[in-house]
N, C-alpha and C. Protein backbone atom coordinates (compact mmCIF):
# COMPACT_ATOMS: atom_id res chain seq x y z
N UNK A 1 -2.37 -37.58 7.41
CA UNK A 1 -2.08 -36.16 7.57
C UNK A 1 -2.26 -35.47 6.22
N UNK A 2 -2.88 -34.29 6.21
CA UNK A 2 -3.12 -33.55 4.98
C UNK A 2 -1.82 -32.97 4.45
N UNK A 3 -1.71 -33.00 3.16
CA UNK A 3 -0.52 -32.44 2.51
C UNK A 3 -0.59 -30.91 2.58
N UNK A 4 0.48 -30.30 3.03
CA UNK A 4 0.57 -28.85 3.12
C UNK A 4 1.17 -28.35 1.82
N UNK A 5 0.38 -27.56 1.11
CA UNK A 5 0.89 -27.03 -0.16
C UNK A 5 1.61 -25.71 0.09
N UNK A 6 2.46 -25.36 -0.83
CA UNK A 6 3.16 -24.08 -0.71
C UNK A 6 2.17 -22.95 -0.98
N UNK A 7 2.44 -21.77 -0.44
CA UNK A 7 1.51 -20.65 -0.62
C UNK A 7 1.34 -20.30 -2.10
N UNK A 8 0.15 -19.85 -2.43
CA UNK A 8 -0.12 -19.40 -3.78
C UNK A 8 0.49 -18.01 -3.98
N UNK A 9 0.53 -17.58 -5.21
CA UNK A 9 1.05 -16.24 -5.50
C UNK A 9 0.24 -15.17 -4.77
N UNK A 10 -1.06 -15.34 -4.72
CA UNK A 10 -1.92 -14.38 -4.00
C UNK A 10 -1.61 -14.39 -2.51
N UNK A 11 -1.46 -15.57 -1.94
CA UNK A 11 -1.13 -15.66 -0.52
C UNK A 11 0.23 -15.02 -0.22
N UNK A 12 1.19 -15.24 -1.10
CA UNK A 12 2.51 -14.60 -0.92
C UNK A 12 2.40 -13.08 -1.04
N UNK A 13 1.55 -12.60 -1.93
CA UNK A 13 1.36 -11.15 -2.09
C UNK A 13 0.75 -10.54 -0.84
N UNK A 14 -0.23 -11.23 -0.26
CA UNK A 14 -0.84 -10.74 0.98
C UNK A 14 0.18 -10.73 2.10
N UNK A 15 0.95 -11.81 2.22
CA UNK A 15 2.00 -11.87 3.24
C UNK A 15 3.00 -10.74 3.05
N UNK A 16 3.32 -10.43 1.81
CA UNK A 16 4.26 -9.36 1.51
C UNK A 16 3.71 -8.00 1.94
N UNK A 17 2.44 -7.75 1.65
CA UNK A 17 1.82 -6.48 2.07
C UNK A 17 1.83 -6.34 3.59
N UNK A 18 1.52 -7.43 4.27
CA UNK A 18 1.54 -7.40 5.74
C UNK A 18 2.96 -7.12 6.24
N UNK A 19 3.93 -7.79 5.66
CA UNK A 19 5.33 -7.61 6.08
C UNK A 19 5.81 -6.18 5.84
N UNK A 20 5.46 -5.61 4.71
CA UNK A 20 5.88 -4.23 4.42
C UNK A 20 5.22 -3.27 5.40
N UNK A 21 3.93 -3.46 5.67
CA UNK A 21 3.24 -2.60 6.64
C UNK A 21 3.94 -2.69 7.99
N UNK A 22 4.21 -3.91 8.45
CA UNK A 22 4.85 -4.11 9.75
C UNK A 22 6.27 -3.55 9.80
N UNK A 23 6.94 -3.53 8.67
CA UNK A 23 8.30 -2.98 8.59
C UNK A 23 8.32 -1.50 8.96
N UNK A 24 7.27 -0.77 8.57
CA UNK A 24 7.23 0.68 8.81
C UNK A 24 6.41 1.06 10.03
N UNK A 25 5.43 0.25 10.41
CA UNK A 25 4.59 0.55 11.56
C UNK A 25 5.33 0.28 12.86
N UNK A 26 5.02 1.05 13.87
CA UNK A 26 5.56 0.78 15.19
C UNK A 26 6.81 1.53 15.58
N UNK A 27 7.43 2.19 14.66
CA UNK A 27 8.65 2.93 15.01
C UNK A 27 8.34 4.11 15.93
N UNK A 28 7.10 4.61 15.83
CA UNK A 28 6.68 5.72 16.68
C UNK A 28 5.88 5.25 17.90
N UNK A 29 5.90 3.94 18.17
CA UNK A 29 5.26 3.43 19.37
C UNK A 29 4.00 2.62 19.17
N UNK A 30 3.30 2.76 18.07
CA UNK A 30 2.07 2.00 17.84
C UNK A 30 2.32 0.96 16.76
N UNK A 31 2.35 -0.30 17.13
CA UNK A 31 2.71 -1.38 16.21
C UNK A 31 1.69 -1.64 15.12
N UNK A 32 0.48 -1.18 15.29
CA UNK A 32 -0.58 -1.53 14.34
C UNK A 32 -1.00 -0.37 13.45
N UNK A 33 -0.26 0.72 13.48
CA UNK A 33 -0.59 1.87 12.64
C UNK A 33 0.68 2.53 12.10
N UNK A 34 0.48 3.29 11.04
CA UNK A 34 1.55 4.13 10.50
C UNK A 34 1.28 5.56 10.91
N UNK A 35 2.26 6.18 11.57
CA UNK A 35 2.17 7.61 11.87
C UNK A 35 2.48 8.37 10.58
N UNK A 36 2.34 9.66 10.62
CA UNK A 36 2.68 10.47 9.45
C UNK A 36 4.14 10.26 9.07
N UNK A 37 5.03 10.25 10.05
CA UNK A 37 6.46 10.04 9.79
C UNK A 37 6.71 8.68 9.15
N UNK A 38 6.04 7.65 9.68
CA UNK A 38 6.20 6.30 9.14
C UNK A 38 5.62 6.20 7.73
N UNK A 39 4.48 6.85 7.52
CA UNK A 39 3.86 6.88 6.19
C UNK A 39 4.81 7.53 5.18
N UNK A 40 5.40 8.66 5.56
CA UNK A 40 6.34 9.34 4.66
C UNK A 40 7.56 8.47 4.39
N UNK A 41 8.05 7.79 5.40
CA UNK A 41 9.18 6.88 5.22
C UNK A 41 8.81 5.76 4.25
N UNK A 42 7.63 5.18 4.43
CA UNK A 42 7.14 4.14 3.52
C UNK A 42 7.08 4.67 2.09
N UNK A 43 6.44 5.81 1.91
CA UNK A 43 6.26 6.37 0.56
C UNK A 43 7.61 6.68 -0.09
N UNK A 44 8.51 7.29 0.66
CA UNK A 44 9.81 7.69 0.11
C UNK A 44 10.73 6.51 -0.18
N UNK A 45 10.48 5.37 0.46
CA UNK A 45 11.30 4.19 0.25
C UNK A 45 10.66 3.20 -0.71
N UNK A 46 9.44 2.82 -0.41
CA UNK A 46 8.76 1.76 -1.17
C UNK A 46 8.12 2.27 -2.46
N UNK A 47 7.75 3.53 -2.49
CA UNK A 47 7.11 4.12 -3.68
C UNK A 47 7.87 5.36 -4.12
N UNK A 48 9.20 5.24 -4.10
CA UNK A 48 10.07 6.39 -4.38
C UNK A 48 9.83 7.00 -5.75
N UNK A 49 9.59 6.18 -6.77
CA UNK A 49 9.36 6.72 -8.11
C UNK A 49 8.11 7.59 -8.12
N UNK A 50 7.06 7.15 -7.45
CA UNK A 50 5.83 7.94 -7.36
C UNK A 50 6.10 9.25 -6.62
N UNK A 51 6.76 9.14 -5.48
CA UNK A 51 7.02 10.31 -4.64
C UNK A 51 7.90 11.34 -5.36
N UNK A 52 8.95 10.86 -6.02
CA UNK A 52 9.88 11.78 -6.68
C UNK A 52 9.26 12.50 -7.88
N UNK A 53 8.23 11.90 -8.48
CA UNK A 53 7.58 12.50 -9.64
C UNK A 53 6.51 13.52 -9.27
N UNK A 54 6.27 13.73 -7.99
CA UNK A 54 5.26 14.69 -7.55
C UNK A 54 5.84 16.10 -7.55
N UNK A 55 5.17 16.99 -8.23
CA UNK A 55 5.63 18.38 -8.26
C UNK A 55 5.05 19.19 -7.09
N UNK A 56 3.95 18.72 -6.52
CA UNK A 56 3.29 19.39 -5.41
C UNK A 56 3.82 18.83 -4.10
N UNK A 57 4.52 19.63 -3.30
CA UNK A 57 5.10 19.12 -2.06
C UNK A 57 4.06 18.70 -1.02
N UNK A 58 2.82 19.14 -1.16
CA UNK A 58 1.78 18.80 -0.19
C UNK A 58 0.99 17.55 -0.52
N UNK A 59 1.34 16.88 -1.62
CA UNK A 59 0.54 15.74 -2.06
C UNK A 59 0.53 14.60 -1.04
N UNK A 60 1.65 14.31 -0.41
CA UNK A 60 1.69 13.22 0.55
C UNK A 60 0.89 13.53 1.80
N UNK A 61 0.92 14.79 2.24
CA UNK A 61 0.10 15.19 3.39
C UNK A 61 -1.38 15.01 3.08
N UNK A 62 -1.78 15.41 1.88
CA UNK A 62 -3.19 15.27 1.48
C UNK A 62 -3.58 13.80 1.34
N UNK A 63 -2.66 13.00 0.81
CA UNK A 63 -2.93 11.56 0.69
C UNK A 63 -3.17 10.95 2.08
N UNK A 64 -2.29 11.27 3.00
CA UNK A 64 -2.42 10.73 4.36
C UNK A 64 -3.76 11.15 4.95
N UNK A 65 -4.10 12.40 4.80
CA UNK A 65 -5.36 12.91 5.36
C UNK A 65 -6.56 12.20 4.75
N UNK A 66 -6.53 11.99 3.44
CA UNK A 66 -7.63 11.31 2.75
C UNK A 66 -7.72 9.84 3.15
N UNK A 67 -6.59 9.20 3.31
CA UNK A 67 -6.56 7.78 3.68
C UNK A 67 -6.99 7.55 5.13
N UNK A 68 -6.74 8.53 5.99
CA UNK A 68 -7.03 8.42 7.41
C UNK A 68 -8.54 8.62 7.65
N UNK A 69 -9.31 7.59 7.32
CA UNK A 69 -10.77 7.73 7.34
C UNK A 69 -11.36 7.95 8.72
N UNK A 70 -10.68 7.53 9.79
CA UNK A 70 -11.20 7.77 11.13
C UNK A 70 -10.56 9.00 11.78
N UNK A 71 -9.75 9.72 11.04
CA UNK A 71 -9.15 10.99 11.47
C UNK A 71 -8.40 10.90 12.80
N UNK A 72 -7.67 9.79 13.00
CA UNK A 72 -6.89 9.66 14.23
C UNK A 72 -5.42 10.02 14.04
N UNK A 73 -5.06 10.47 12.84
CA UNK A 73 -3.68 10.86 12.58
C UNK A 73 -2.76 9.68 12.30
N UNK A 74 -3.32 8.49 12.18
CA UNK A 74 -2.57 7.26 11.93
C UNK A 74 -3.25 6.49 10.80
N UNK A 75 -2.50 5.64 10.13
CA UNK A 75 -3.09 4.75 9.14
C UNK A 75 -3.04 3.33 9.68
N UNK A 76 -4.22 2.72 9.86
CA UNK A 76 -4.23 1.31 10.24
C UNK A 76 -4.08 0.47 8.97
N UNK A 77 -4.05 -0.84 9.13
CA UNK A 77 -3.79 -1.70 7.98
C UNK A 77 -4.89 -1.57 6.92
N UNK A 78 -6.13 -1.43 7.34
CA UNK A 78 -7.24 -1.27 6.41
C UNK A 78 -7.08 0.01 5.59
N UNK A 79 -6.71 1.09 6.24
CA UNK A 79 -6.49 2.36 5.54
C UNK A 79 -5.29 2.26 4.60
N UNK A 80 -4.26 1.55 5.03
CA UNK A 80 -3.09 1.30 4.19
C UNK A 80 -3.49 0.53 2.93
N UNK A 81 -4.36 -0.47 3.09
CA UNK A 81 -4.81 -1.24 1.93
C UNK A 81 -5.59 -0.37 0.94
N UNK A 82 -6.27 0.65 1.44
CA UNK A 82 -6.95 1.59 0.53
C UNK A 82 -5.93 2.29 -0.37
N UNK A 83 -4.78 2.63 0.19
CA UNK A 83 -3.70 3.23 -0.60
C UNK A 83 -3.23 2.26 -1.68
N UNK A 84 -2.96 1.02 -1.28
CA UNK A 84 -2.45 0.02 -2.22
C UNK A 84 -3.48 -0.23 -3.33
N UNK A 85 -4.73 -0.39 -2.94
CA UNK A 85 -5.79 -0.60 -3.94
C UNK A 85 -5.94 0.59 -4.86
N UNK A 86 -5.89 1.78 -4.31
CA UNK A 86 -6.00 2.99 -5.13
C UNK A 86 -4.86 3.12 -6.12
N UNK A 87 -3.66 2.81 -5.67
CA UNK A 87 -2.51 2.87 -6.58
C UNK A 87 -2.63 1.81 -7.68
N UNK A 88 -3.10 0.63 -7.31
CA UNK A 88 -3.28 -0.42 -8.31
C UNK A 88 -4.34 -0.01 -9.34
N UNK A 89 -5.41 0.60 -8.88
CA UNK A 89 -6.47 1.05 -9.78
C UNK A 89 -6.01 2.21 -10.66
N UNK A 90 -5.04 2.95 -10.19
CA UNK A 90 -4.52 4.10 -10.95
C UNK A 90 -3.58 3.66 -12.07
N UNK A 91 -3.32 2.38 -12.15
CA UNK A 91 -2.40 1.85 -13.15
C UNK A 91 -3.13 0.93 -14.13
N UNK A 92 -4.20 1.40 -14.77
CA UNK A 92 -4.97 0.50 -15.64
C UNK A 92 -4.18 0.00 -16.85
N UNK A 93 -3.27 0.79 -17.36
CA UNK A 93 -2.49 0.36 -18.51
C UNK A 93 -1.65 -0.87 -18.17
N UNK A 94 -1.04 -0.87 -17.00
CA UNK A 94 -0.25 -2.02 -16.58
C UNK A 94 -1.14 -3.23 -16.40
N UNK A 95 -2.32 -3.03 -15.84
CA UNK A 95 -3.25 -4.13 -15.64
C UNK A 95 -3.71 -4.71 -16.97
N UNK A 96 -4.07 -3.85 -17.90
CA UNK A 96 -4.56 -4.32 -19.19
C UNK A 96 -3.48 -5.03 -19.99
N UNK A 97 -2.23 -4.60 -19.85
CA UNK A 97 -1.14 -5.28 -20.55
C UNK A 97 -0.91 -6.68 -20.00
N UNK A 98 -1.18 -6.86 -18.70
CA UNK A 98 -0.95 -8.15 -18.07
C UNK A 98 -2.08 -9.15 -18.35
N UNK A 99 -3.25 -8.64 -18.73
CA UNK A 99 -4.40 -9.50 -18.99
C UNK A 99 -4.34 -9.98 -20.43
N UNK A 100 -4.45 -11.28 -20.65
CA UNK A 100 -4.45 -11.78 -22.02
C UNK A 100 -5.61 -11.17 -22.82
N UNK A 101 -5.41 -11.02 -24.11
CA UNK A 101 -6.46 -10.45 -24.95
C UNK A 101 -7.72 -11.30 -24.84
N UNK A 102 -8.76 -10.69 -24.38
CA UNK A 102 -10.06 -11.33 -24.28
C UNK A 102 -11.11 -10.23 -24.20
N UNK A 103 -12.34 -10.61 -24.23
CA UNK A 103 -13.40 -9.63 -24.17
C UNK A 103 -13.35 -8.92 -22.83
N UNK A 104 -13.23 -7.60 -22.88
CA UNK A 104 -13.18 -6.80 -21.66
C UNK A 104 -14.50 -6.08 -21.51
N UNK A 105 -15.01 -6.08 -20.30
CA UNK A 105 -16.30 -5.46 -20.03
C UNK A 105 -16.13 -3.97 -19.84
């Protein structure tokens, strides 16, 4: 029998993203998407520091609209991942601090 290894850090991170998405999705009836209400709940809870620092009250509405690439008024998991990736890319200083000093392209 093959030895089952424990999940890697990357695998745990993916599992965590899926779990967080599922935590907020489905409260409005669709288990596989975030409604606007669910998206706002996610943002206000999971990304509260980002949300509280916004001076423009319409920023979350515009974010949802931009992320909703198929314009169905919901965010599926793929659209949600675009948010996560965009936020990660918006934090280059944190990324560069975490990378050991080496030649950067």
